Amino acid sequence: MTAPSRRALVTGLATLAGAGLPAPPLRAQVAPPAAPPVAPWPTRPIRWIINFPPGGAADTLTRVLAERMGGRLGQPIVPENRAGAGGLVGADLVAKARGDAHVIMMSSGASHGTGPVLYRNVPYDPLADFTHLHLVGTFSCVLAVNNDLPVRSVAEFVALARTRPLSYGSGGNGTLNHLSGQLLARDARVPLEHVPYRGSAAALTDTMGGQIPALMESLPIALPHLEAGRLRPLAVTGEARDPTLPDVPTFAEAGFPGVVAVSWFGASAPAAIPEAVADRWADEIGAALRTDVVRDRFARIGVTPGTLGRAGYTALVRDELARWRPVIAEAGIRAD
């Protein structure tokens, strides 16, 4: 049986009314439910967790952005250093703040790329426990030595390591600086002892003071000391020379093509924050990175501003985990 036409339905209702019988009630038109209102954000100060000590690359980049963005968001951004375990302590704090839209961190290869592979029993999932928002910047690492060390090239550094034990420092286990030194040891086939510090500042101080002969350090942090002549740079880990050190070769140019690595930092929030907040974060960070003020600040310290938004930065984290897992397993490198 076919459904009655509109004309037949109207005729039938008129017949019922003419006969003095009540017409059946017409079905009311129900409007679709309204979308829930977007809650205002932010409503209180924002904690920006820095999972390394003061003076390192994560600390520097965070403070540049926080200074630029606090006024736009209408609430202060409060940097908070929570160092330990190569960046894992601070990252775990953010992972445990699930759903808190007023917490953010400067994630990096140490906490979300190599660290989860290097350490046993990492207490968080670098993908599932975070909302990755935007790539902040990339830069090279640099091998620098104490001025009293009798070497002026990577080849001379390696030759010296063949005759006596040599060590190098870094700002912590599991950092790209740590791994870059191990890449050199593998490529040159010489033992290089890694000396982990609780942050870059202490590693720099001891290298300049002669307590250790060398360090592998993020270019933005080492650059002022290199420019002042307090340390001697030997090579950078990027695929090309850095504009801030045009006379310093890449490791590939120095004869060690296996030593190529780029440090990266990005902004990440806990998992399960509102989508609207995640999108706002990505938009605001991207806008800050495009300003002349931030670009000039980054250029002066050898940092290339990031352009990857939420999807792109999440893919980068996933790719870095996949890239380093077999390398670290094959080399048998552990951070704990």
Protein backbone atom coordinates (compact mmCIF):
# COMPACT_ATOMS: atom_id res chain seq x y z
CA MET A 1 0.00 0.00 0.00
CA THR A 2 1.34 3.36 -0.95
CA ALA A 3 1.50 6.29 1.47
CA PRO A 4 -1.44 8.75 1.12
CA SER A 5 -0.78 11.86 -0.94
CA ARG A 6 -0.83 15.32 0.65
CA ARG A 7 -4.07 16.10 -1.25
CA ALA A 8 -5.79 12.96 0.04
CA LEU A 9 -4.66 13.71 3.58
CA VAL A 10 -6.04 17.27 3.46
CA THR A 11 -9.35 16.02 1.97
CA GLY A 12 -9.71 13.42 4.69
CA LEU A 13 -9.11 15.95 7.44
CA ALA A 14 -11.72 18.28 5.95
CA THR A 15 -14.25 15.41 5.84
CA LEU A 16 -13.65 14.64 9.51
CA ALA A 17 -14.08 18.26 10.46
CA GLY A 18 -17.30 18.52 8.46
CA ALA A 19 -18.66 15.50 10.26
CA GLY A 20 -18.02 17.14 13.63
CA LEU A 21 -15.27 14.69 14.49
CA PRO A 22 -11.98 15.88 15.93
CA ALA A 23 -9.09 15.77 13.53
CA PRO A 24 -6.01 13.82 14.59
CA PRO A 25 -3.19 16.05 15.78
CA LEU A 26 -0.61 17.00 13.17
CA ARG A 27 2.99 15.94 13.99
CA ALA A 28 4.97 18.92 15.23
CA GLN A 29 8.09 19.93 13.32
CA VAL A 30 11.03 19.22 15.67
CA ALA A 31 14.05 21.45 15.18
CA PRO A 32 17.48 19.75 15.24
CA PRO A 33 19.28 20.07 18.57
CA ALA A 34 21.46 23.15 18.83
CA ALA A 35 25.22 22.63 19.00
CA PRO A 36 26.51 22.94 22.55
CA PRO A 37 28.00 26.38 23.19
CA VAL A 38 31.79 26.60 23.04
CA ALA A 39 33.10 27.23 26.53
CA PRO A 40 35.26 30.34 26.86
CA TRP A 41 39.01 29.65 26.88
CA PRO A 42 41.38 30.37 28.50
CA THR A 43 39.80 31.19 31.85
CA ARG A 44 42.93 31.05 34.01
CA PRO A 45 46.72 31.27 33.60
CA ILE A 46 48.28 28.65 31.31
CA ARG A 47 51.11 26.41 32.52
CA TRP A 48 53.72 25.85 29.82
CA ILE A 49 55.81 22.89 30.97
CA ILE A 50 59.48 22.96 29.93
CA ASN A 51 60.86 19.48 30.41
CA PHE A 52 64.48 20.65 30.58
CA PRO A 53 66.32 22.99 32.96
CA PRO A 54 66.66 26.74 32.36
CA GLY A 55 69.14 27.77 29.68
CA GLY A 56 68.41 25.02 27.16
CA ALA A 57 66.75 25.14 23.74
CA ALA A 58 63.32 24.16 25.07
CA ASP A 59 63.49 26.92 27.68
CA THR A 60 64.61 29.55 25.17
CA LEU A 61 61.98 28.77 22.54
CA THR A 62 59.18 28.53 25.12
CA ARG A 63 59.95 31.95 26.56
CA VAL A 64 60.12 33.58 23.12
CA LEU A 65 56.63 32.26 22.27
CA ALA A 66 55.11 32.79 25.72
CA GLU A 67 56.17 36.42 25.66
CA ARG A 68 54.52 36.87 22.27
CA MET A 69 51.30 34.93 22.85
CA GLY A 70 50.21 35.75 26.40
CA GLY A 71 48.62 39.06 25.46
CA ARG A 72 46.73 37.56 22.51
CA LEU A 73 45.18 34.83 24.65
CA GLY A 74 44.11 37.19 27.42
CA GLN A 75 45.74 35.11 30.15
CA PRO A 76 49.39 34.90 31.22
CA ILE A 77 51.48 31.95 30.06
CA VAL A 78 53.63 30.76 32.95
CA PRO A 79 56.77 28.78 31.95
CA GLU A 80 57.49 25.99 34.42
CA ASN A 81 60.72 23.96 34.25
CA ARG A 82 60.15 20.28 35.12
CA ALA A 83 63.38 18.55 34.12
CA GLY A 84 64.50 14.96 34.51
CA ALA A 85 65.11 11.69 32.66
CA GLY A 86 65.96 13.37 29.37
CA GLY A 87 62.67 15.25 29.24
CA LEU A 88 60.41 12.36 30.23
CA VAL A 89 59.48 13.74 33.67
CA GLY A 90 57.88 16.89 32.30
CA ALA A 91 56.20 15.00 29.47
CA ASP A 92 54.67 12.54 31.92
CA LEU A 93 53.25 15.44 33.95
CA VAL A 94 51.47 16.73 30.84
CA ALA A 95 50.29 13.26 29.83
CA LYS A 96 48.67 12.85 33.25
CA ALA A 97 46.82 16.18 32.85
CA ARG A 98 44.41 14.56 30.37
CA GLY A 99 41.68 16.96 29.27
CA ASP A 100 43.27 20.02 30.92
CA ALA A 101 43.18 22.78 28.30
CA HIS A 102 45.34 25.07 30.45
CA VAL A 103 48.48 22.91 30.25
CA ILE A 104 50.90 22.76 27.33
CA MET A 105 54.51 21.68 26.83
CA MET A 106 57.46 22.08 24.49
CA SER A 107 57.72 18.55 23.15
CA SER A 108 60.83 17.38 21.33
CA GLY A 109 62.70 14.46 19.89
CA ALA A 110 63.96 13.69 23.39
CA SER A 111 60.50 13.30 24.92
CA HIS A 112 58.51 12.13 21.89
CA GLY A 113 60.98 10.68 19.37
CA THR A 114 64.07 9.00 20.78
CA GLY A 115 63.31 9.01 24.51
CA PRO A 116 60.35 6.62 24.38
CA VAL A 117 62.64 4.18 22.53
CA LEU A 118 65.77 4.66 24.63
CA TYR A 119 64.14 4.31 28.05
CA ARG A 120 62.47 1.25 29.49
CA ASN A 121 59.00 1.57 31.01
CA VAL A 122 58.20 5.04 29.69
CA PRO A 123 55.02 5.99 31.60
CA TYR A 124 53.17 7.56 28.65
CA ASP A 125 52.33 6.97 25.01
CA PRO A 126 53.95 9.75 22.92
CA LEU A 127 51.00 9.73 20.51
CA ALA A 128 47.87 8.59 22.36
CA ASP A 129 48.47 10.65 25.52
CA PHE A 130 48.97 13.99 23.76
CA THR A 131 47.32 16.45 21.41
CA HIS A 132 50.16 17.58 19.15
CA LEU A 133 49.54 21.15 18.06
CA HIS A 134 52.33 22.69 15.97
CA LEU A 135 55.99 22.27 15.07
CA VAL A 136 57.84 25.20 16.65
CA GLY A 137 61.30 24.98 15.12
CA THR A 138 64.20 22.91 13.84
CA PHE A 139 67.96 23.36 14.13
CA SER A 140 71.28 21.54 13.95
CA CYS A 141 73.46 20.20 16.70
CA VAL A 142 77.11 21.22 16.83
CA LEU A 143 80.20 19.39 18.05
CA ALA A 144 82.29 21.90 20.02
CA VAL A 145 85.49 21.41 21.97
CA ASN A 146 87.41 23.11 24.74
CA ASN A 147 89.88 25.62 23.30
CA ASP A 148 92.80 23.77 24.87
CA LEU A 149 92.02 20.51 23.08
CA PRO A 150 94.60 20.20 20.27
CA VAL A 151 92.10 19.58 17.44
CA ARG A 152 90.62 21.85 14.79
CA SER A 153 88.57 19.40 12.72
CA VAL A 154 86.42 16.33 13.18
CA ALA A 155 89.13 14.23 11.54
CA GLU A 156 91.65 15.39 14.16
CA PHE A 157 89.12 14.79 16.94
CA VAL A 158 88.58 11.21 15.73
CA ALA A 159 92.32 10.65 15.34
CA LEU A 160 92.85 11.78 18.94
CA ALA A 161 90.07 9.45 20.11
CA ARG A 162 92.00 6.55 18.59
CA THR A 163 94.97 7.30 20.83
CA ARG A 164 93.28 8.09 24.14
CA PRO A 165 89.80 7.95 25.67
CA LEU A 166 87.64 10.93 24.75
CA SER A 167 84.26 11.88 26.14
CA TYR A 168 81.59 14.36 25.16
CA GLY A 169 78.82 15.91 27.19
CA SER A 170 75.19 16.70 26.45
CA GLY A 171 72.19 18.12 28.27
CA GLY A 172 70.80 14.69 29.08
CA ASN A 173 70.32 11.05 28.18
CA GLY A 174 68.07 10.39 25.23
CA THR A 175 68.51 13.81 23.66
CA LEU A 176 69.40 14.18 20.01
CA ASN A 177 72.72 15.64 21.14
CA HIS A 178 73.42 12.37 22.96
CA LEU A 179 72.50 10.31 19.92
CA SER A 180 74.40 12.53 17.49
CA GLY A 181 77.59 11.80 19.39
CA GLN A 182 76.86 8.08 19.14
CA LEU A 183 76.27 8.45 15.41
CA LEU A 184 79.77 9.90 15.14
CA ALA A 185 81.20 7.06 17.24
CA ARG A 186 79.54 4.50 14.93
CA ASP A 187 80.51 6.26 11.71
CA ALA A 188 84.12 6.79 12.79
CA ARG A 189 84.33 3.43 14.58
CA VAL A 190 85.86 4.95 17.71
CA PRO A 191 84.62 4.77 21.30
CA LEU A 192 83.23 8.05 22.63
CA GLU A 193 82.00 8.11 26.20
CA HIS A 194 78.80 10.07 26.74
CA VAL A 195 78.60 12.24 29.87
CA PRO A 196 74.95 13.22 30.55
CA TYR A 197 74.21 16.43 32.42
CA ARG A 198 71.02 17.79 33.92
CA GLY A 199 70.66 20.42 31.25
CA SER A 200 72.79 22.27 28.74
CA ALA A 201 74.06 24.99 31.06
CA ALA A 202 76.07 22.57 33.20
CA ALA A 203 77.46 20.75 30.15
CA LEU A 204 78.59 24.04 28.60
CA THR A 205 80.20 25.20 31.83
CA ASP A 206 82.20 22.01 32.23
CA THR A 207 83.32 21.99 28.60
CA MET A 208 84.51 25.58 28.76
CA GLY A 209 86.21 24.84 32.08
CA GLY A 210 88.01 21.76 30.77
CA GLN A 211 86.26 19.19 32.98
CA ILE A 212 85.20 17.43 29.77
CA PRO A 213 86.91 17.93 26.40
CA ALA A 214 83.86 18.29 24.14
CA LEU A 215 80.12 18.46 23.92
CA MET A 216 77.39 17.94 21.37
CA GLU A 217 74.94 20.80 21.82
CA SER A 218 71.92 22.40 20.20
CA LEU A 219 73.10 25.25 18.00
CA PRO A 220 70.82 27.91 19.57
CA ILE A 221 72.36 27.25 22.99
CA ALA A 222 75.99 26.89 21.92
CA LEU A 223 76.02 29.81 19.49
CA PRO A 224 76.71 32.68 21.94
CA HIS A 225 79.69 30.79 23.36
CA LEU A 226 81.00 29.94 19.89
CA GLU A 227 80.69 33.54 18.75
CA ALA A 228 82.49 34.72 21.90
CA GLY A 229 85.34 32.28 21.26
CA ARG A 230 84.80 30.34 24.47
CA LEU A 231 84.43 27.06 22.53
CA ARG A 232 85.66 25.85 19.15
CA PRO A 233 83.05 24.43 16.72
CA LEU A 234 84.09 21.47 14.58
CA ALA A 235 80.96 20.50 12.61
CA VAL A 236 77.15 20.73 12.50
CA THR A 237 74.74 17.83 12.08
CA GLY A 238 72.46 19.41 9.48
CA GLU A 239 72.37 18.52 5.80
CA ALA A 240 73.70 21.99 4.96
CA ARG A 241 75.88 24.54 6.70
CA ASP A 242 74.07 26.83 9.07
CA PRO A 243 73.87 30.52 8.11
CA THR A 244 74.94 31.50 11.63
CA LEU A 245 78.20 29.49 11.27
CA PRO A 246 79.01 29.66 7.55
CA ASP A 247 82.63 28.58 8.02
CA VAL A 248 81.78 25.44 10.00
CA PRO A 249 81.32 22.32 7.84
CA THR A 250 78.65 19.69 8.11
CA PHE A 251 79.75 16.28 9.33
CA ALA A 252 79.19 14.97 5.81
CA GLU A 253 81.58 17.59 4.44
CA ALA A 254 84.06 16.63 7.15
CA GLY A 255 84.02 13.02 5.94
CA PHE A 256 81.37 11.48 8.21
CA PRO A 257 78.16 11.22 6.15
CA GLY A 258 76.43 9.04 8.73
CA VAL A 259 76.14 11.94 11.16
CA VAL A 260 73.03 13.78 9.99
CA ALA A 261 70.38 14.79 12.52
CA VAL A 262 68.09 17.76 13.06
CA SER A 263 66.65 18.74 16.42
CA TRP A 264 62.96 19.61 16.52
CA PHE A 265 60.68 21.14 19.09
CA GLY A 266 56.92 21.52 19.02
CA ALA A 267 53.93 22.40 21.15
CA SER A 268 51.83 19.61 22.62
CA ALA A 269 48.87 19.56 25.02
CA PRO A 270 47.34 16.66 26.95
CA ALA A 271 45.02 14.27 25.16
CA ALA A 272 41.25 14.88 25.19
CA ILE A 273 41.27 18.68 25.24
CA PRO A 274 38.39 20.27 23.28
CA GLU A 275 38.90 20.35 19.52
CA ALA A 276 38.15 24.07 19.44
CA VAL A 277 40.94 24.72 21.95
CA ALA A 278 43.41 22.56 20.02
CA ASP A 279 42.59 24.44 16.82
CA ARG A 280 42.95 27.79 18.60
CA TRP A 281 46.34 26.77 19.98
CA ALA A 282 47.53 25.69 16.53
CA ASP A 283 46.32 28.93 14.96
CA GLU A 284 47.88 31.13 17.63
CA ILE A 285 51.24 29.35 17.59
CA GLY A 286 51.35 29.41 13.80
CA ALA A 287 50.54 33.13 13.79
CA ALA A 288 53.26 33.86 16.35
CA LEU A 289 55.84 31.92 14.33
CA ARG A 290 55.03 34.01 11.25
CA THR A 291 55.65 37.35 12.97
CA ASP A 292 58.80 39.24 12.10
CA VAL A 293 59.70 39.52 15.78
CA VAL A 294 59.76 35.75 16.36
CA ARG A 295 61.37 34.97 13.00
CA ASP A 296 64.16 37.45 13.71
CA ARG A 297 64.70 36.07 17.22
CA PHE A 298 64.83 32.53 15.87
CA ALA A 299 67.18 33.46 13.00
CA ARG A 300 69.67 35.01 15.42
CA ILE A 301 69.99 31.71 17.27
CA GLY A 302 69.96 29.37 14.27
CA VAL A 303 66.35 28.13 14.47
CA THR A 304 64.09 27.62 11.45
CA PRO A 305 60.44 28.31 12.42
CA GLY A 306 58.10 25.36 12.03
CA THR A 307 55.24 25.34 9.53
CA LEU A 308 53.55 22.02 10.38
CA GLY A 309 50.16 22.28 12.06
CA ARG A 310 48.27 19.64 14.01
CA ALA A 311 48.18 16.87 11.41
CA GLY A 312 51.68 17.53 10.11
CA TYR A 313 53.30 17.67 13.53
CA THR A 314 51.53 14.51 14.69
CA ALA A 315 52.82 12.75 11.56
CA LEU A 316 56.35 13.98 12.30
CA VAL A 317 56.24 12.50 15.82
CA ARG A 318 54.97 9.20 14.43
CA ASP A 319 57.67 9.12 11.73
CA GLU A 320 60.48 9.96 14.17
CA LEU A 321 59.47 7.11 16.47
CA ALA A 322 59.54 4.72 13.53
CA ARG A 323 62.87 6.11 12.27
CA TRP A 324 64.83 5.84 15.51
CA ARG A 325 63.47 2.56 16.85
CA PRO A 326 65.50 0.25 14.55
CA VAL A 327 68.61 2.47 14.73
CA ILE A 328 68.67 2.42 18.53
CA ALA A 329 67.87 -1.29 18.72
CA GLU A 330 70.62 -2.17 16.25
CA ALA A 331 73.20 -0.07 18.11
CA GLY A 332 72.11 -1.40 21.50
CA ILE A 333 71.91 2.13 22.94
CA ARG A 334 70.08 2.48 26.25
CA ALA A 335 69.61 5.58 28.36
CA ASP A 336 68.88 3.77 31.64
